[in-house]
C-alpha cells in the first residue's frame, strides 16, 4: 500500500535540545516533582529531556516553563527552518 503525501503539508518544526535536566539540577527538583507540578507523566517528561520527543505542543512547553519559572526560550533550544520570503 502506497502512502499519499499532500504537497501542501509542511513538516513539523522540531526542537534540537532542551535545558530541562540542567534546570532541574539547578533548582534541586526531580522529574517526579516536575510531573506533580505540570500534570505530565514522568515518562513523558523523560522522553522530552532525552530528546526522544522533539515535537511538543505549546501548552506542554508552557506548563514546563511555568513549573521551572523560566522562559520557553531559555528551556527549549530551537533552530527555525528557513522562512520563504514572498517577493511579489
C-alpha atoms as a PDB file:
ATOM      1  CA  UNK A   1       0.000   0.000   0.000  1.00  0.00           C
ATOM      2  CA  UNK A   2       1.435   3.334  -1.044  1.00  0.00           C
ATOM      3  CA  UNK A   3       1.240   6.271   1.313  1.00  0.00           C
ATOM      4  CA  UNK A   4      -0.037   9.506  -0.106  1.00  0.00           C
ATOM      5  CA  UNK A   5       1.667  12.729   0.817  1.00  0.00           C
ATOM      6  CA  UNK A   6      -0.015  16.060   0.470  1.00  0.00           C
ATOM      7  CA  UNK A   7       2.255  18.670  -1.052  1.00  0.00           C
ATOM      8  CA  UNK A   8       0.632  21.440   0.988  1.00  0.00           C
ATOM      9  CA  UNK A   9       1.560  19.812   4.292  1.00  0.00           C
ATOM     10  CA  UNK A  10       4.550  21.358   5.988  1.00  0.00           C
ATOM     11  CA  UNK A  11       6.961  19.254   8.031  1.00  0.00           C
ATOM     12  CA  UNK A  12       6.686  19.736  11.792  1.00  0.00           C
ATOM     13  CA  UNK A  13       9.230  22.058  13.336  1.00  0.00           C
ATOM     14  CA  UNK A  14      11.419  20.209  15.826  1.00  0.00           C
ATOM     15  CA  UNK A  15      13.426  21.121  18.862  1.00  0.00           C
ATOM     16  CA  UNK A  16      17.086  20.281  18.803  1.00  0.00           C
ATOM     17  CA  UNK A  17      17.567  20.207  22.554  1.00  0.00           C
ATOM     18  CA  UNK A  18      16.483  21.469  25.918  1.00  0.00           C
ATOM     19  CA  UNK A  19      17.904  22.519  29.269  1.00  0.00           C
ATOM     20  CA  UNK A  20      15.347  20.758  31.471  1.00  0.00           C
ATOM     21  CA  UNK A  21      17.823  18.404  33.153  1.00  0.00           C
ATOM     22  CA  UNK A  22      20.219  21.279  33.865  1.00  0.00           C
ATOM     23  CA  UNK A  23      17.413  23.447  35.281  1.00  0.00           C
ATOM     24  CA  UNK A  24      16.052  20.601  37.417  1.00  0.00           C
ATOM     25  CA  UNK A  25      19.503  20.120  38.946  1.00  0.00           C
ATOM     26  CA  UNK A  26      19.939  23.864  39.459  1.00  0.00           C
ATOM     27  CA  UNK A  27      16.576  24.044  41.258  1.00  0.00           C
ATOM     28  CA  UNK A  28      17.178  20.776  43.156  1.00  0.00           C
ATOM     29  CA  UNK A  29      13.991  19.397  41.631  1.00  0.00           C
ATOM     30  CA  UNK A  30      13.219  15.856  40.471  1.00  0.00           C
ATOM     31  CA  UNK A  31      11.379  14.696  37.366  1.00  0.00           C
ATOM     32  CA  UNK A  32       8.630  13.453  39.695  1.00  0.00           C
ATOM     33  CA  UNK A  33       8.281  16.926  41.248  1.00  0.00           C
ATOM     34  CA  UNK A  34       8.111  18.463  37.771  1.00  0.00           C
ATOM     35  CA  UNK A  35       5.491  15.868  36.894  1.00  0.00           C
ATOM     36  CA  UNK A  36       3.457  16.692  40.002  1.00  0.00           C
ATOM     37  CA  UNK A  37       3.608  20.404  39.189  1.00  0.00           C
ATOM     38  CA  UNK A  38       2.796  20.134  35.481  1.00  0.00           C
ATOM     39  CA  UNK A  39       0.405  17.180  35.493  1.00  0.00           C
ATOM     40  CA  UNK A  40       2.538  15.474  32.825  1.00  0.00           C
ATOM     41  CA  UNK A  41       3.566  11.846  33.246  1.00  0.00           C
ATOM     42  CA  UNK A  42       7.182  11.393  34.419  1.00  0.00           C
ATOM     43  CA  UNK A  43       7.794   9.118  31.420  1.00  0.00           C
ATOM     44  CA  UNK A  44       6.625  11.865  29.046  1.00  0.00           C
ATOM     45  CA  UNK A  45       8.942  14.383  30.708  1.00  0.00           C
ATOM     46  CA  UNK A  46      11.839  11.915  30.468  1.00  0.00           C
ATOM     47  CA  UNK A  47      11.225  11.462  26.740  1.00  0.00           C
ATOM     48  CA  UNK A  48      11.350  15.245  26.289  1.00  0.00           C
ATOM     49  CA  UNK A  49      14.511  15.572  28.407  1.00  0.00           C
ATOM     50  CA  UNK A  50      16.261  12.796  26.459  1.00  0.00           C
ATOM     51  CA  UNK A  51      15.340  14.269  23.081  1.00  0.00           C
ATOM     52  CA  UNK A  52      13.026  11.417  22.117  1.00  0.00           C
ATOM     53  CA  UNK A  53      10.048  13.814  21.932  1.00  0.00           C
ATOM     54  CA  UNK A  54      11.244  16.720  19.812  1.00  0.00           C
ATOM     55  CA  UNK A  55       7.820  17.945  18.707  1.00  0.00           C
ATOM     56  CA  UNK A  56       5.929  19.131  21.751  1.00  0.00           C
ATOM     57  CA  UNK A  57       2.816  21.237  21.980  1.00  0.00           C
ATOM     58  CA  UNK A  58       2.841  24.825  23.125  1.00  0.00           C
ATOM     59  CA  UNK A  59       0.638  24.043  26.163  1.00  0.00           C
ATOM     60  CA  UNK A  60       3.183  21.442  27.330  1.00  0.00           C
ATOM     61  CA  UNK A  61       6.035  23.909  26.816  1.00  0.00           C
ATOM     62  CA  UNK A  62       4.110  26.494  28.869  1.00  0.00           C
ATOM     63  CA  UNK A  63       3.464  24.007  31.695  1.00  0.00           C
ATOM     64  CA  UNK A  64       7.158  23.149  31.919  1.00  0.00           C
ATOM     65  CA  UNK A  65       8.125  26.812  31.633  1.00  0.00           C
ATOM     66  CA  UNK A  66       5.809  27.839  34.469  1.00  0.00           C
ATOM     67  CA  UNK A  67       6.898  24.946  36.700  1.00  0.00           C
ATOM     68  CA  UNK A  68      10.583  25.806  36.226  1.00  0.00           C
ATOM     69  CA  UNK A  69       9.941  29.566  36.390  1.00  0.00           C
ATOM     70  CA  UNK A  70      11.895  30.059  33.162  1.00  0.00           C
ATOM     71  CA  UNK A  71      11.000  31.369  29.731  1.00  0.00           C
ATOM     72  CA  UNK A  72      10.276  28.861  26.996  1.00  0.00           C
ATOM     73  CA  UNK A  73      13.191  30.300  25.030  1.00  0.00           C
ATOM     74  CA  UNK A  74      15.518  29.622  27.965  1.00  0.00           C
ATOM     75  CA  UNK A  75      14.404  25.990  28.241  1.00  0.00           C
ATOM     76  CA  UNK A  76      13.956  24.761  24.692  1.00  0.00           C
ATOM     77  CA  UNK A  77      16.623  25.055  22.023  1.00  0.00           C
ATOM     78  CA  UNK A  78      15.076  25.617  18.639  1.00  0.00           C
ATOM     79  CA  UNK A  79      16.629  26.155  15.244  1.00  0.00           C
ATOM     80  CA  UNK A  80      13.991  27.521  12.855  1.00  0.00           C
ATOM     81  CA  UNK A  81      13.958  26.364   9.270  1.00  0.00           C
ATOM     82  CA  UNK A  82      14.455  28.984   6.622  1.00  0.00           C
ATOM     83  CA  UNK A  83      11.428  31.172   6.121  1.00  0.00           C
ATOM     84  CA  UNK A  84      10.442  31.562   2.497  1.00  0.00           C
ATOM     85  CA  UNK A  85      10.122  35.190   1.515  1.00  0.00           C
ATOM     86  CA  UNK A  86       7.366  36.449  -0.736  1.00  0.00           C
ATOM     87  CA  UNK A  87       8.972  38.691  -3.341  1.00  0.00           C
ATOM     88  CA  UNK A  88       5.895  39.529  -5.400  1.00  0.00           C
END
